[in-house]
Structure formats: structure tokens, C-alpha cells
C-alpha atoms as a PDB file:
ATOM      1  CA  MET A   1     -22.153  88.318  -1.788  1.00  0.00           C
ATOM      2  CA  ARG A   2     -19.123  90.595  -2.057  1.00  0.00           C
ATOM      3  CA  SER A   3     -18.526  90.650   1.724  1.00  0.00           C
ATOM      4  CA  ARG A   4     -18.743  86.846   1.858  1.00  0.00           C
ATOM      5  CA  CYS A   5     -16.154  86.585  -0.917  1.00  0.00           C
ATOM      6  CA  SER A   6     -13.896  89.059   0.894  1.00  0.00           C
ATOM      7  CA  ALA A   7     -14.183  87.020   4.091  1.00  0.00           C
ATOM      8  CA  ILE A   8     -13.253  83.846   2.220  1.00  0.00           C
ATOM      9  CA  VAL A   9     -10.242  85.523   0.608  1.00  0.00           C
ATOM     10  CA  LEU A  10      -9.066  86.830   3.993  1.00  0.00           C
ATOM     11  CA  ALA A  11      -9.501  83.414   5.594  1.00  0.00           C
ATOM     12  CA  LEU A  12      -7.501  81.746   2.804  1.00  0.00           C
ATOM     13  CA  ALA A  13      -4.748  84.346   3.134  1.00  0.00           C
ATOM     14  CA  ALA A  14      -4.602  83.734   6.887  1.00  0.00           C
ATOM     15  CA  LEU A  15      -4.370  79.980   6.355  1.00  0.00           C
ATOM     16  CA  ALA A  16      -1.612  80.412   3.789  1.00  0.00           C
ATOM     17  CA  ALA A  17       0.393  82.434   6.307  1.00  0.00           C
ATOM     18  CA  CYS A  18       0.084  79.843   9.067  1.00  0.00           C
ATOM     19  CA  GLY A  19       3.161  77.965   7.946  1.00  0.00           C
ATOM     20  CA  ASP A  20       5.309  81.074   7.788  1.00  0.00           C
ATOM     21  CA  ASP A  21       7.571  81.942  10.699  1.00  0.00           C
ATOM     22  CA  VAL A  22       7.377  85.660   9.923  1.00  0.00           C
ATOM     23  CA  ASP A  23       4.393  87.620  11.172  1.00  0.00           C
ATOM     24  CA  PRO A  24       2.946  89.368   8.113  1.00  0.00           C
ATOM     25  CA  SER A  25       2.250  92.474  10.196  1.00  0.00           C
ATOM     26  CA  CYS A  26       5.988  92.875  10.876  1.00  0.00           C
ATOM     27  CA  ASP A  27       7.421  95.608   8.677  1.00  0.00           C
ATOM     28  CA  SER A  28      10.938  94.850   7.460  1.00  0.00           C
ATOM     29  CA  THR A  29      11.855  98.528   7.875  1.00  0.00           C
ATOM     30  CA  VAL A  30      11.178  98.375  11.623  1.00  0.00           C
ATOM     31  CA  THR A  31      14.597  97.192  12.791  1.00  0.00           C
ATOM     32  CA  TYR A  32      17.053  97.691  15.619  1.00  0.00           C
ATOM     33  CA  GLN A  33      18.851 100.369  13.602  1.00  0.00           C
ATOM     34  CA  THR A  34      15.703 102.277  12.590  1.00  0.00           C
ATOM     35  CA  VAL A  35      13.552 101.941  15.723  1.00  0.00           C
ATOM     36  CA  GLY A  36      15.122  99.992  18.583  1.00  0.00           C
ATOM     37  CA  GLU A  37      18.481 101.719  18.908  1.00  0.00           C
ATOM     38  CA  PRO A  38      17.177 105.319  18.634  1.00  0.00           C
ATOM     39  CA  TYR A  39      14.321 104.615  21.075  1.00  0.00           C
ATOM     40  CA  LEU A  40      16.684 103.029  23.577  1.00  0.00           C
ATOM     41  CA  ALA A  41      19.135 105.923  23.287  1.00  0.00           C
ATOM     42  CA  ASN A  42      16.377 108.505  23.817  1.00  0.00           C
ATOM     43  CA  TRP A  43      14.262 106.827  26.483  1.00  0.00           C
ATOM     44  CA  CYS A  44      16.029 103.910  28.199  1.00  0.00           C
ATOM     45  CA  LEU A  45      19.819 104.041  28.340  1.00  0.00           C
ATOM     46  CA  GLY A  46      19.902 107.044  30.673  1.00  0.00           C
ATOM     47  CA  CYS A  47      19.042 104.574  33.460  1.00  0.00           C
ATOM     48  CA  HIS A  48      19.339 101.085  31.901  1.00  0.00           C
ATOM     49  CA  SER A  49      22.980 100.972  30.841  1.00  0.00           C
ATOM     50  CA  VAL A  50      26.003  99.255  32.302  1.00  0.00           C
ATOM     51  CA  ASP A  51      27.721 102.666  32.108  1.00  0.00           C
ATOM     52  CA  VAL A  52      25.255 104.269  34.551  1.00  0.00           C
ATOM     53  CA  PRO A  53      26.498 104.015  38.171  1.00  0.00           C
ATOM     54  CA  PRO A  54      24.037 102.492  40.691  1.00  0.00           C
ATOM     55  CA  GLY A  55      23.370 105.838  42.399  1.00  0.00           C
ATOM     56  CA  MET A  56      22.331 107.469  39.120  1.00  0.00           C
ATOM     57  CA  ARG A  57      20.025 104.762  37.737  1.00  0.00           C
ATOM     58  CA  GLN A  58      16.795 106.365  39.054  1.00  0.00           C
ATOM     59  CA  GLN A  59      15.820 103.053  40.720  1.00  0.00           C
ATOM     60  CA  ALA A  60      16.475 100.989  37.580  1.00  0.00           C
ATOM     61  CA  PRO A  61      17.658  97.598  38.833  1.00  0.00           C
ATOM     62  CA  VAL A  62      21.389  97.023  38.518  1.00  0.00           C
ATOM     63  CA  GLY A  63      21.842  94.408  35.834  1.00  0.00           C
ATOM     64  CA  MET A  64      18.716  95.357  33.872  1.00  0.00           C
ATOM     65  CA  ASN A  65      20.587  96.939  30.998  1.00  0.00           C
ATOM     66  CA  PHE A  66      19.644  97.480  27.370  1.00  0.00           C
ATOM     67  CA  ASP A  67      23.033  98.196  25.843  1.00  0.00           C
ATOM     68  CA  THR A  68      22.678  95.385  23.294  1.00  0.00           C
ATOM     69  CA  VAL A  69      19.808  94.015  21.263  1.00  0.00           C
ATOM     70  CA  ASP A  70      20.295  90.651  22.987  1.00  0.00           C
ATOM     71  CA  GLU A  71      19.704  92.279  26.384  1.00  0.00           C
ATOM     72  CA  VAL A  72      16.505  93.802  25.007  1.00  0.00           C
ATOM     73  CA  ARG A  73      15.338  90.477  23.546  1.00  0.00           C
ATOM     74  CA  ALA A  74      15.865  88.817  26.935  1.00  0.00           C
ATOM     75  CA  GLN A  75      13.341  91.277  28.422  1.00  0.00           C
ATOM     76  CA  LEU A  76      10.763  91.420  25.589  1.00  0.00           C
ATOM     77  CA  ILE A  77       7.730  90.481  27.676  1.00  0.00           C
ATOM     78  CA  SER A  78       8.639  92.930  30.422  1.00  0.00           C
ATOM     79  CA  LEU A  79       9.339  95.702  27.919  1.00  0.00           C
ATOM     80  CA  GLU A  80       6.042  95.108  26.111  1.00  0.00           C
ATOM     81  CA  SER A  81       4.233  95.270  29.448  1.00  0.00           C
ATOM     82  CA  VAL A  82       5.756  98.566  30.614  1.00  0.00           C
ATOM     83  CA  THR A  83       5.231 100.021  27.143  1.00  0.00           C
ATOM     84  CA  LEU A  84       1.542  99.100  27.126  1.00  0.00           C
ATOM     85  CA  GLN A  85       1.095 100.379  30.675  1.00  0.00           C
ATOM     86  CA  GLN A  86       3.140 103.481  29.823  1.00  0.00           C
ATOM     87  CA  THR A  87       5.074 103.153  33.085  1.00  0.00           C
ATOM     88  CA  MET A  88       8.451 103.576  31.367  1.00  0.00           C
ATOM     89  CA  PRO A  89       9.990 105.976  31.123  1.00  0.00           C
ATOM     90  CA  PRO A  90       8.614 107.048  34.507  1.00  0.00           C
ATOM     91  CA  GLU A  91       8.287 110.745  33.668  1.00  0.00           C
ATOM     92  CA  GLY A  92       7.409 112.134  30.291  1.00  0.00           C
ATOM     93  CA  GLY A  93       8.067 109.831  27.427  1.00  0.00           C
ATOM     94  CA  PRO A  94       7.805 109.433  23.705  1.00  0.00           C
ATOM     95  CA  ALA A  95       5.003 110.610  21.465  1.00  0.00           C
ATOM     96  CA  ASP A  96       2.321 108.046  20.669  1.00  0.00           C
ATOM     97  CA  ALA A  97       3.688 107.441  17.160  1.00  0.00           C
ATOM     98  CA  GLU A  98       7.179 106.684  18.496  1.00  0.00           C
ATOM     99  CA  ARG A  99       5.778 104.434  21.219  1.00  0.00           C
ATOM    100  CA  THR A 100       3.687 102.591  18.590  1.00  0.00           C
ATOM    101  CA  LEU A 101       6.758 101.914  16.425  1.00  0.00           C
ATOM    102  CA  TRP A 102       8.687 100.729  19.504  1.00  0.00           C
ATOM    103  CA  MET A 103       5.858  98.372  20.407  1.00  0.00           C
ATOM    104  CA  GLN A 104       5.733  97.056  16.840  1.00  0.00           C
ATOM    105  CA  TRP A 105       9.470  96.399  16.955  1.00  0.00           C
ATOM    106  CA  LEU A 106       9.155  94.565  20.287  1.00  0.00           C
ATOM    107  CA  SER A 107       6.130  92.507  19.218  1.00  0.00           C
ATOM    108  CA  CYS A 108       8.001  91.377  16.094  1.00  0.00           C
ATOM    109  CA  GLY A 109      10.766  89.932  18.267  1.00  0.00           C
ATOM    110  CA  ALA A 110      13.108  92.949  18.177  1.00  0.00           C
ATOM    111  CA  PRO A 111      14.649  92.187  14.746  1.00  0.00           C
END
């Protein structure tokens, strides 16, 4: 009986959240300042910045820059994909915990 009651409570909580625009799994402490900006500085901007000359971008397409949060938001689907596939950065990369926070930030719309 207890598990049935728990299932009902969870279902009601899920229904109550349906009208909300904010994903309840999004942590308000996972922001551009706390996650996005440091991750980008450590793992992306060495190749994906307007300040990096074409010959030093390590095959990063010219114009695919992540200097601003708006540039990141414009590439959310692509960034989620390469994060899940662990194809970026191409060599080495962040620890699993850092990658998980980055993915959480992306999946919450890069707030």
C-alpha cells in the first residue's frame, strides 16, 4: 500500500509541475557564472573564441565562438550532443563531475 501511495504522490507532483516553465530538476545555483563561464574558459575558448586566429583554432570552425552566453545558447543542441558523445574537447577533457554540471547547465537552457 505504501508504494502505491508514493506513486500517487509522485504522479500528483508531476502533474502540478506541468504548468511551470521551470524544470524542477534545474538547480538555481547552476548558472553561467558558476558553471558555464568557468567550463568555457577551461575547455572551449582556447579554440572557440573570436580572439583565436583561424590557424590556431585546432579545426574549430571560424564563427563557432562561445565568448558570450548568447552564442552558447544558439548552439545548445550541438553542445549537448558533443558533451554526451565526449567528442569535445578533442583530447583530454573535464572530470565526470564537471562534465555532469556542464550538461545540467546546458539542459536547463544555459541560465
